[in-house]
C-alpha atoms as a PDB file:
ATOM      1  CA  MET A   1     -65.308  18.184   7.156  1.00  0.00           C
ATOM      2  CA  THR A   2     -63.818  14.620   6.793  1.00  0.00           C
ATOM      3  CA  GLU A   3     -64.823  13.311   3.355  1.00  0.00           C
ATOM      4  CA  THR A   4     -67.147  10.616   3.242  1.00  0.00           C
ATOM      5  CA  LYS A   5     -65.425   7.266   2.001  1.00  0.00           C
ATOM      6  CA  TYR A   6     -67.238   6.266  -1.332  1.00  0.00           C
ATOM      7  CA  ASP A   7     -68.690   2.993  -0.509  1.00  0.00           C
ATOM      8  CA  TRP A   8     -67.462   0.558  -4.064  1.00  0.00           C
ATOM      9  CA  GLU A   9     -68.851  -2.481  -2.468  1.00  0.00           C
ATOM     10  CA  ALA A  10     -72.519  -0.822  -2.270  1.00  0.00           C
ATOM     11  CA  GLU A  11     -71.542   0.179  -6.068  1.00  0.00           C
ATOM     12  CA  TRP A  12     -70.518  -3.378  -7.056  1.00  0.00           C
ATOM     13  CA  ARG A  13     -73.444  -4.779  -5.469  1.00  0.00           C
ATOM     14  CA  ALA A  14     -75.760  -2.918  -7.793  1.00  0.00           C
ATOM     15  CA  ALA A  15     -73.834  -3.511 -10.934  1.00  0.00           C
ATOM     16  CA  LEU A  16     -74.028  -6.739 -10.459  1.00  0.00           C
ATOM     17  CA  ALA A  17     -77.503  -7.362  -9.283  1.00  0.00           C
ATOM     18  CA  GLY A  18     -80.117  -9.732 -11.428  1.00  0.00           C
ATOM     19  CA  LEU A  19     -77.306 -10.428 -13.888  1.00  0.00           C
ATOM     20  CA  PRO A  20     -77.044 -14.248 -14.708  1.00  0.00           C
ATOM     21  CA  PRO A  21     -74.312 -16.786 -13.204  1.00  0.00           C
ATOM     22  CA  LYS A  22     -71.947 -16.308 -15.889  1.00  0.00           C
ATOM     23  CA  LEU A  23     -70.427 -12.778 -16.093  1.00  0.00           C
ATOM     24  CA  TRP A  24     -68.008 -11.576 -18.588  1.00  0.00           C
ATOM     25  CA  LEU A  25     -65.644  -8.667 -17.192  1.00  0.00           C
ATOM     26  CA  THR A  26     -64.182  -5.934 -19.979  1.00  0.00           C
ATOM     27  CA  ASP A  27     -62.205  -2.478 -19.821  1.00  0.00           C
ATOM     28  CA  LEU A  28     -63.876  -0.233 -22.454  1.00  0.00           C
ATOM     29  CA  ASP A  29     -60.708   2.279 -23.769  1.00  0.00           C
ATOM     30  CA  GLY A  30     -58.905   0.218 -26.096  1.00  0.00           C
ATOM     31  CA  THR A  31     -60.778  -2.838 -25.296  1.00  0.00           C
ATOM     32  CA  CYS A  32     -64.038  -2.112 -26.679  1.00  0.00           C
ATOM     33  CA  TRP A  33     -63.264   1.293 -28.474  1.00  0.00           C
ATOM     34  CA  GLU A  34     -60.529   3.212 -28.722  1.00  0.00           C
ATOM     35  CA  ASP A  35     -59.124   5.157 -26.131  1.00  0.00           C
ATOM     36  CA  ILE A  36     -61.416   8.012 -25.277  1.00  0.00           C
ATOM     37  CA  LEU A  37     -59.049  10.150 -23.192  1.00  0.00           C
ATOM     38  CA  VAL A  38     -55.850   9.525 -25.629  1.00  0.00           C
ATOM     39  CA  ARG A  39     -58.495  10.643 -29.130  1.00  0.00           C
ATOM     40  CA  LEU A  40     -59.619  13.517 -27.190  1.00  0.00           C
ATOM     41  CA  ASN A  41     -55.961  14.872 -25.704  1.00  0.00           C
ATOM     42  CA  ASN A  42     -54.875  14.579 -29.437  1.00  0.00           C
ATOM     43  CA  GLN A  43     -57.888  16.306 -30.867  1.00  0.00           C
ATOM     44  CA  PHE A  44     -58.217  19.225 -28.221  1.00  0.00           C
ATOM     45  CA  GLY A  45     -55.525  18.860 -25.390  1.00  0.00           C
ATOM     46  CA  PRO A  46     -53.511  21.665 -25.059  1.00  0.00           C
ATOM     47  CA  ILE A  47     -49.581  21.920 -26.252  1.00  0.00           C
ATOM     48  CA  ASP A  48     -47.004  22.761 -24.020  1.00  0.00           C
ATOM     49  CA  PRO A  49     -45.859  26.371 -25.521  1.00  0.00           C
ATOM     50  CA  GLU A  50     -41.723  25.453 -24.863  1.00  0.00           C
ATOM     51  CA  THR A  51     -41.728  21.826 -26.222  1.00  0.00           C
ATOM     52  CA  ARG A  52     -44.446  22.224 -28.709  1.00  0.00           C
ATOM     53  CA  LEU A  53     -45.590  18.611 -27.820  1.00  0.00           C
ATOM     54  CA  LYS A  54     -49.070  17.806 -26.498  1.00  0.00           C
ATOM     55  CA  LYS A  55     -49.398  18.353 -22.473  1.00  0.00           C
ATOM     56  CA  TRP A  56     -50.955  14.978 -21.986  1.00  0.00           C
ATOM     57  CA  LEU A  57     -47.759  12.953 -23.678  1.00  0.00           C
ATOM     58  CA  GLN A  58     -45.411  14.505 -20.707  1.00  0.00           C
ATOM     59  CA  TYR A  59     -48.030  13.128 -17.888  1.00  0.00           C
ATOM     60  CA  ASP A  60     -48.314  10.171 -19.655  1.00  0.00           C
ATOM     61  CA  HIS A  61     -44.224   9.482 -19.548  1.00  0.00           C
ATOM     62  CA  ALA A  62     -44.388  10.709 -16.252  1.00  0.00           C
ATOM     63  CA  TYR A  63     -46.777   7.823 -15.202  1.00  0.00           C
ATOM     64  CA  LYS A  64     -45.322   5.138 -17.248  1.00  0.00           C
ATOM     65  CA  GLU A  65     -41.886   6.018 -17.364  1.00  0.00           C
ATOM     66  CA  ALA A  66     -40.972   8.436 -14.999  1.00  0.00           C
ATOM     67  CA  ARG A  67     -43.230   7.131 -12.189  1.00  0.00           C
ATOM     68  CA  THR A  68     -43.152  10.729 -10.887  1.00  0.00           C
ATOM     69  CA  MET A  69     -47.227  10.934 -11.316  1.00  0.00           C
ATOM     70  CA  THR A  70     -49.849   8.287  -9.820  1.00  0.00           C
ATOM     71  CA  ASN A  71     -52.086   6.711 -12.114  1.00  0.00           C
ATOM     72  CA  GLY A  72     -55.050   8.960 -10.859  1.00  0.00           C
ATOM     73  CA  ALA A  73     -53.016  11.901 -10.681  1.00  0.00           C
ATOM     74  CA  HIS A  74     -52.069  11.586 -14.115  1.00  0.00           C
ATOM     75  CA  LEU A  75     -55.810  10.894 -15.436  1.00  0.00           C
ATOM     76  CA  ILE A  76     -57.204  14.081 -13.378  1.00  0.00           C
ATOM     77  CA  VAL A  77     -54.651  16.997 -15.092  1.00  0.00           C
ATOM     78  CA  GLU A  78     -55.281  15.411 -18.437  1.00  0.00           C
ATOM     79  CA  TYR A  79     -59.335  15.292 -17.971  1.00  0.00           C
ATOM     80  CA  GLN A  80     -58.787  18.885 -16.153  1.00  0.00           C
ATOM     81  CA  ASP A  81     -57.172  20.232 -19.444  1.00  0.00           C
ATOM     82  CA  LEU A  82     -59.467  18.992 -21.645  1.00  0.00           C
ATOM     83  CA  LEU A  83     -62.551  20.762 -19.454  1.00  0.00           C
ATOM     84  CA  ALA A  84     -60.827  23.646 -20.241  1.00  0.00           C
ATOM     85  CA  GLU A  85     -60.849  23.682 -23.407  1.00  0.00           C
ATOM     86  CA  ARG A  86     -64.081  22.221 -24.223  1.00  0.00           C
ATOM     87  CA  THR A  87     -67.764  21.875 -22.316  1.00  0.00           C
ATOM     88  CA  LEU A  88     -68.410  17.951 -21.195  1.00  0.00           C
ATOM     89  CA  ASP A  89     -71.316  18.273 -23.748  1.00  0.00           C
ATOM     90  CA  GLU A  90     -68.634  18.968 -26.501  1.00  0.00           C
ATOM     91  CA  LEU A  91     -66.730  16.482 -25.353  1.00  0.00           C
ATOM     92  CA  ILE A  92     -69.614  13.582 -25.429  1.00  0.00           C
ATOM     93  CA  ALA A  93     -70.665  14.534 -28.908  1.00  0.00           C
ATOM     94  CA  TRP A  94     -67.338  14.605 -30.690  1.00  0.00           C
ATOM     95  CA  VAL A  95     -66.647  10.627 -28.717  1.00  0.00           C
ATOM     96  CA  LYS A  96     -70.083   9.601 -29.748  1.00  0.00           C
ATOM     97  CA  ALA A  97     -69.185  10.875 -33.567  1.00  0.00           C
ATOM     98  CA  GLU A  98     -65.243  10.221 -33.758  1.00  0.00           C
ATOM     99  CA  VAL A  99     -64.213   7.280 -31.311  1.00  0.00           C
ATOM    100  CA  LYS A 100     -64.528   3.988 -33.033  1.00  0.00           C
ATOM    101  CA  LEU A 101     -65.170   0.819 -31.748  1.00  0.00           C
ATOM    102  CA  ILE A 102     -62.615  -1.999 -32.138  1.00  0.00           C
ATOM    103  CA  PRO A 103     -63.759  -4.077 -34.957  1.00  0.00           C
ATOM    104  CA  GLY A 104     -66.522  -6.860 -34.019  1.00  0.00           C
ATOM    105  CA  THR A 105     -67.538  -5.595 -30.805  1.00  0.00           C
ATOM    106  CA  PRO A 106     -71.139  -5.793 -31.588  1.00  0.00           C
ATOM    107  CA  ASP A 107     -70.803  -9.851 -32.792  1.00  0.00           C
ATOM    108  CA  PHE A 108     -68.914 -10.603 -29.630  1.00  0.00           C
ATOM    109  CA  VAL A 109     -71.945  -8.659 -27.464  1.00  0.00           C
ATOM    110  CA  ASP A 110     -74.459 -10.466 -29.367  1.00  0.00           C
ATOM    111  CA  MET A 111     -72.449 -14.078 -28.608  1.00  0.00           C
ATOM    112  CA  LEU A 112     -72.432 -13.373 -24.843  1.00  0.00           C
ATOM    113  CA  THR A 113     -75.757 -11.974 -24.537  1.00  0.00           C
ATOM    114  CA  SER A 114     -77.395 -15.182 -26.146  1.00  0.00           C
ATOM    115  CA  ALA A 115     -75.523 -17.347 -24.517  1.00  0.00           C
ATOM    116  CA  GLY A 116     -76.926 -15.801 -21.217  1.00  0.00           C
ATOM    117  CA  VAL A 117     -73.763 -14.618 -20.290  1.00  0.00           C
ATOM    118  CA  GLY A 118     -73.820 -10.639 -18.317  1.00  0.00           C
ATOM    119  CA  ILE A 119     -70.893  -8.334 -19.525  1.00  0.00           C
ATOM    120  CA  VAL A 120     -69.888  -5.688 -17.264  1.00  0.00           C
ATOM    121  CA  ALA A 121     -67.721  -2.945 -17.675  1.00  0.00           C
ATOM    122  CA  ILE A 122     -64.757  -2.013 -15.406  1.00  0.00           C
ATOM    123  CA  SER A 123     -63.066   1.278 -16.652  1.00  0.00           C
ATOM    124  CA  ASN A 124     -60.570   3.684 -15.370  1.00  0.00           C
ATOM    125  CA  GLY A 125     -62.637   6.643 -17.532  1.00  0.00           C
ATOM    126  CA  ALA A 126     -64.860   8.791 -16.568  1.00  0.00           C
ATOM    127  CA  ARG A 127     -68.754   7.800 -16.370  1.00  0.00           C
ATOM    128  CA  GLN A 128     -69.932  10.663 -17.752  1.00  0.00           C
ATOM    129  CA  LEU A 129     -68.079   9.825 -20.911  1.00  0.00           C
ATOM    130  CA  ALA A 130     -68.485   6.053 -20.817  1.00  0.00           C
ATOM    131  CA  GLN A 131     -72.143   5.869 -20.187  1.00  0.00           C
ATOM    132  CA  PRO A 132     -73.453   7.961 -22.804  1.00  0.00           C
ATOM    133  CA  LYS A 133     -71.096   6.071 -25.548  1.00  0.00           C
ATOM    134  CA  LEU A 134     -72.550   2.464 -24.654  1.00  0.00           C
ATOM    135  CA  GLU A 135     -76.136   3.555 -25.284  1.00  0.00           C
ATOM    136  CA  HIS A 136     -75.005   5.440 -28.435  1.00  0.00           C
ATOM    137  CA  HIS A 137     -73.436   2.207 -29.754  1.00  0.00           C
ATOM    138  CA  LYS A 138     -76.452  -0.159 -27.918  1.00  0.00           C
ATOM    139  CA  LEU A 139     -74.000  -1.733 -25.766  1.00  0.00           C
ATOM    140  CA  PRO A 140     -76.235  -3.376 -22.821  1.00  0.00           C
ATOM    141  CA  PHE A 141     -73.071  -3.457 -20.560  1.00  0.00           C
ATOM    142  CA  ARG A 142     -73.417  -2.743 -16.620  1.00  0.00           C
ATOM    143  CA  LEU A 143     -70.806  -0.025 -15.521  1.00  0.00           C
ATOM    144  CA  ILE A 144     -68.739   0.526 -12.874  1.00  0.00           C
ATOM    145  CA  CYS A 145     -66.163   3.234 -13.567  1.00  0.00           C
ATOM    146  CA  ASN A 146     -64.804   6.983 -11.801  1.00  0.00           C
ATOM    147  CA  TRP A 147     -65.912   9.643 -12.561  1.00  0.00           C
ATOM    148  CA  PHE A 148     -66.706  13.599 -12.637  1.00  0.00           C
ATOM    149  CA  GLU A 149     -66.982  15.711  -9.871  1.00  0.00           C
ATOM    150  CA  GLY A 150     -67.071  19.386 -11.404  1.00  0.00           C
ATOM    151  CA  THR A 151     -64.178  18.825 -13.563  1.00  0.00           C
ATOM    152  CA  THR A 152     -62.118  16.513 -10.809  1.00  0.00           C
ATOM    153  CA  LEU A 153     -61.725  12.627 -11.683  1.00  0.00           C
ATOM    154  CA  LYS A 154     -62.724  10.841  -8.850  1.00  0.00           C
ATOM    155  CA  PHE A 155     -61.822   7.155  -7.877  1.00  0.00           C
ATOM    156  CA  VAL A 156     -63.566   4.561  -7.176  1.00  0.00           C
ATOM    157  CA  HIS A 157     -60.568   2.826  -5.169  1.00  0.00           C
ATOM    158  CA  ASP A 158     -57.633   5.264  -4.542  1.00  0.00           C
ATOM    159  CA  GLU A 159     -55.601   7.612  -6.746  1.00  0.00           C
ATOM    160  CA  HIS A 160     -52.655   4.999  -7.181  1.00  0.00           C
ATOM    161  CA  VAL A 161     -55.024   2.496  -9.046  1.00  0.00           C
ATOM    162  CA  GLY A 162     -58.214   4.640  -9.669  1.00  0.00           C
ATOM    163  CA  ILE A 163     -60.006   1.677  -9.711  1.00  0.00           C
ATOM    164  CA  ASP A 164     -58.872  -2.338  -9.062  1.00  0.00           C
ATOM    165  CA  LYS A 165     -60.185  -4.690 -11.299  1.00  0.00           C
ATOM    166  CA  GLY A 166     -58.676  -7.606  -9.865  1.00  0.00           C
ATOM    167  CA  VAL A 167     -60.476  -6.553  -6.515  1.00  0.00           C
ATOM    168  CA  LEU A 168     -63.872  -6.329  -8.298  1.00  0.00           C
ATOM    169  CA  VAL A 169     -63.326 -10.011 -10.269  1.00  0.00           C
ATOM    170  CA  GLN A 170     -62.696 -11.297  -6.961  1.00  0.00           C
ATOM    171  CA  ARG A 171     -65.610  -9.887  -5.327  1.00  0.00           C
ATOM    172  CA  ALA A 172     -67.463 -10.831  -8.127  1.00  0.00           C
ATOM    173  CA  ARG A 173     -66.740 -14.583  -7.441  1.00  0.00           C
ATOM    174  CA  GLU A 174     -66.816 -14.623  -4.198  1.00  0.00           C
ATOM    175  CA  TRP A 175     -70.290 -13.505  -4.163  1.00  0.00           C
ATOM    176  CA  GLY A 176     -71.114 -16.835  -6.514  1.00  0.00           C
ATOM    177  CA  HIS A 177     -70.716 -15.891  -9.990  1.00  0.00           C
ATOM    178  CA  GLU A 178     -68.653 -17.761 -12.893  1.00  0.00           C
ATOM    179  CA  ILE A 179     -65.917 -15.876 -14.121  1.00  0.00           C
ATOM    180  CA  VAL A 180     -66.274 -16.614 -17.892  1.00  0.00           C
ATOM    181  CA  GLY A 181     -63.667 -14.382 -18.778  1.00  0.00           C
ATOM    182  CA  PHE A 182     -61.829 -10.868 -19.029  1.00  0.00           C
ATOM    183  CA  SER A 183     -61.091  -8.760 -21.598  1.00  0.00           C
ATOM    184  CA  GLY A 184     -58.547  -5.936 -21.620  1.00  0.00           C
ATOM    185  CA  ASP A 185     -55.366  -4.215 -23.501  1.00  0.00           C
ATOM    186  CA  ALA A 186     -53.267  -2.272 -20.916  1.00  0.00           C
ATOM    187  CA  ILE A 187     -50.938  -2.240 -17.786  1.00  0.00           C
ATOM    188  CA  GLY A 188     -54.093  -1.389 -15.770  1.00  0.00           C
ATOM    189  CA  ASP A 189     -56.043  -4.339 -17.081  1.00  0.00           C
ATOM    190  CA  VAL A 190     -53.477  -7.236 -15.332  1.00  0.00           C
ATOM    191  CA  ASN A 191     -55.001  -7.756 -12.431  1.00  0.00           C
ATOM    192  CA  GLY A 192     -58.051  -8.338 -13.409  1.00  0.00           C
ATOM    193  CA  ALA A 193     -56.659 -10.447 -15.961  1.00  0.00           C
ATOM    194  CA  GLY A 194     -54.960 -12.318 -13.153  1.00  0.00           C
ATOM    195  CA  VAL A 195     -57.565 -13.140 -10.839  1.00  0.00           C
ATOM    196  CA  ALA A 196     -60.173 -14.284 -13.474  1.00  0.00           C
ATOM    197  CA  ALA A 197     -57.803 -16.645 -15.414  1.00  0.00           C
ATOM    198  CA  ARG A 198     -57.282 -17.842 -11.935  1.00  0.00           C
ATOM    199  CA  HIS A 199     -60.549 -18.901 -11.396  1.00  0.00           C
ATOM    200  CA  GLY A 200     -61.043 -20.499 -14.873  1.00  0.00           C
ATOM    201  CA  GLY A 201     -61.864 -17.357 -17.094  1.00  0.00           C
ATOM    202  CA  LEU A 202     -60.374 -16.711 -20.618  1.00  0.00           C
ATOM    203  CA  VAL A 203     -58.514 -14.076 -21.067  1.00  0.00           C
ATOM    204  CA  LEU A 204     -58.829 -11.512 -24.277  1.00  0.00           C
ATOM    205  CA  ALA A 205     -55.689  -9.418 -24.956  1.00  0.00           C
ATOM    206  CA  CYS A 206     -56.844  -6.354 -27.229  1.00  0.00           C
ATOM    207  CA  GLY A 207     -53.508  -5.862 -29.291  1.00  0.00           C
ATOM    208  CA  ALA A 208     -50.405  -7.858 -29.381  1.00  0.00           C
ATOM    209  CA  GLU A 209     -47.754  -5.498 -28.509  1.00  0.00           C
ATOM    210  CA  GLY A 210     -50.221  -4.160 -25.571  1.00  0.00           C
ATOM    211  CA  GLY A 211     -49.232  -4.240 -21.897  1.00  0.00           C
ATOM    212  CA  LEU A 212     -52.167  -6.936 -21.301  1.00  0.00           C
ATOM    213  CA  ALA A 213     -50.724  -9.577 -24.125  1.00  0.00           C
ATOM    214  CA  LYS A 214     -46.807  -8.733 -22.999  1.00  0.00           C
ATOM    215  CA  TRP A 215     -47.987  -9.925 -19.229  1.00  0.00           C
ATOM    216  CA  CYS A 216     -50.549 -12.470 -20.322  1.00  0.00           C
ATOM    217  CA  GLY A 217     -47.112 -14.254 -22.386  1.00  0.00           C
ATOM    218  CA  GLN A 218     -44.740 -14.078 -19.774  1.00  0.00           C
ATOM    219  CA  ASN A 219     -47.454 -15.121 -16.895  1.00  0.00           C
ATOM    220  CA  LEU A 220     -50.017 -17.324 -18.200  1.00  0.00           C
ATOM    221  CA  GLN A 221     -50.338 -20.592 -19.879  1.00  0.00           C
ATOM    222  CA  PRO A 222     -51.622 -20.531 -23.788  1.00  0.00           C
ATOM    223  CA  GLU A 223     -54.320 -22.230 -23.028  1.00  0.00           C
ATOM    224  CA  GLN A 224     -55.344 -19.476 -20.456  1.00  0.00           C
ATOM    225  CA  TRP A 225     -55.708 -16.095 -22.871  1.00  0.00           C
ATOM    226  CA  LEU A 226     -56.144 -14.918 -26.469  1.00  0.00           C
ATOM    227  CA  THR A 227     -55.387 -11.778 -28.765  1.00  0.00           C
ATOM    228  CA  TYR A 228     -57.454 -10.028 -30.840  1.00  0.00           C
ATOM    229  CA  THR A 229     -57.533  -7.003 -33.072  1.00  0.00           C
ATOM    230  CA  ASP A 230     -61.403  -7.856 -34.335  1.00  0.00           C
ATOM    231  CA  PHE A 231     -63.450  -9.725 -31.794  1.00  0.00           C
ATOM    232  CA  ARG A 232     -65.030 -11.467 -34.681  1.00  0.00           C
ATOM    233  CA  ASP A 233     -61.379 -13.561 -35.115  1.00  0.00           C
ATOM    234  CA  VAL A 234     -62.396 -15.140 -31.411  1.00  0.00           C
ATOM    235  CA  ILE A 235     -65.862 -15.504 -31.279  1.00  0.00           C
ATOM    236  CA  LYS A 236     -65.633 -19.399 -32.714  1.00  0.00           C
ATOM    237  CA  HIS A 237     -62.426 -19.983 -30.706  1.00  0.00           C
ATOM    238  CA  PRO A 238     -62.729 -23.531 -28.603  1.00  0.00           C
ATOM    239  CA  ALA A 239     -61.237 -21.597 -25.668  1.00  0.00           C
ATOM    240  CA  LEU A 240     -64.199 -18.677 -25.428  1.00  0.00           C
ATOM    241  CA  GLN A 241     -66.968 -21.414 -27.131  1.00  0.00           C
ATOM    242  CA  SER A 242     -65.913 -24.169 -24.243  1.00  0.00           C
ATOM    243  CA  ARG A 243     -65.926 -21.386 -21.500  1.00  0.00           C
ATOM    244  CA  ILE A 244     -69.621 -20.077 -22.487  1.00  0.00           C
ATOM    245  CA  GLY A 245     -71.067 -23.445 -23.175  1.00  0.00           C
ATOM    246  CA  GLY A 246     -71.226 -22.968 -26.571  1.00  0.00           C
ATOM    247  CA  ASN A 247     -70.584 -24.847 -29.899  1.00  0.00           C
END
């Protein structure tokens, strides 16, 4: 039987429906909270009996360094290893209790919301973990991300990119939204950041040593991006306030 093609445009339209014209688009893991998959694997992930190292480190190396695994393939096996060790409910409970928010996240969200800016999270993580985490912290984000079918992660776009954030940012712009900004931390956020910057949005890169910050330093002008480890350090920055219409 031929697998039904996933209609990502319909889901994206639904995620944006009813939001204000101005949008802030954001990654979640490593951007608004600690990386859920890394934290879970360090806590519960299996150990390779030969190397005595966590298996997820091998998958991570295969994807980022050796290039022998796609982004999607390495995510699939990391989640499957976890779900072989713990139930999804156990993982959700641990994530709610143990995975910390990036400092200043609630303040940043309150500032955007007060300014009439809609917030949408675009994540390569799993909806079954991200949505309960958002609700736990009362973060009013719309969400589009990958999802579990059984123990297998399914992708909004394809196995190579998982979810193509640049495509989603561009489509939101074409549908009439103003892209106020984009926040992320890693190489997977580069496409989204690049499109946001091209349309006049401000890019916030979490962590000066992260993959997104490195890319921004090489490809964007200084006025197009900021780095942060605490959102409160950038909330009053003129580059941000000018884009949301603040003072």
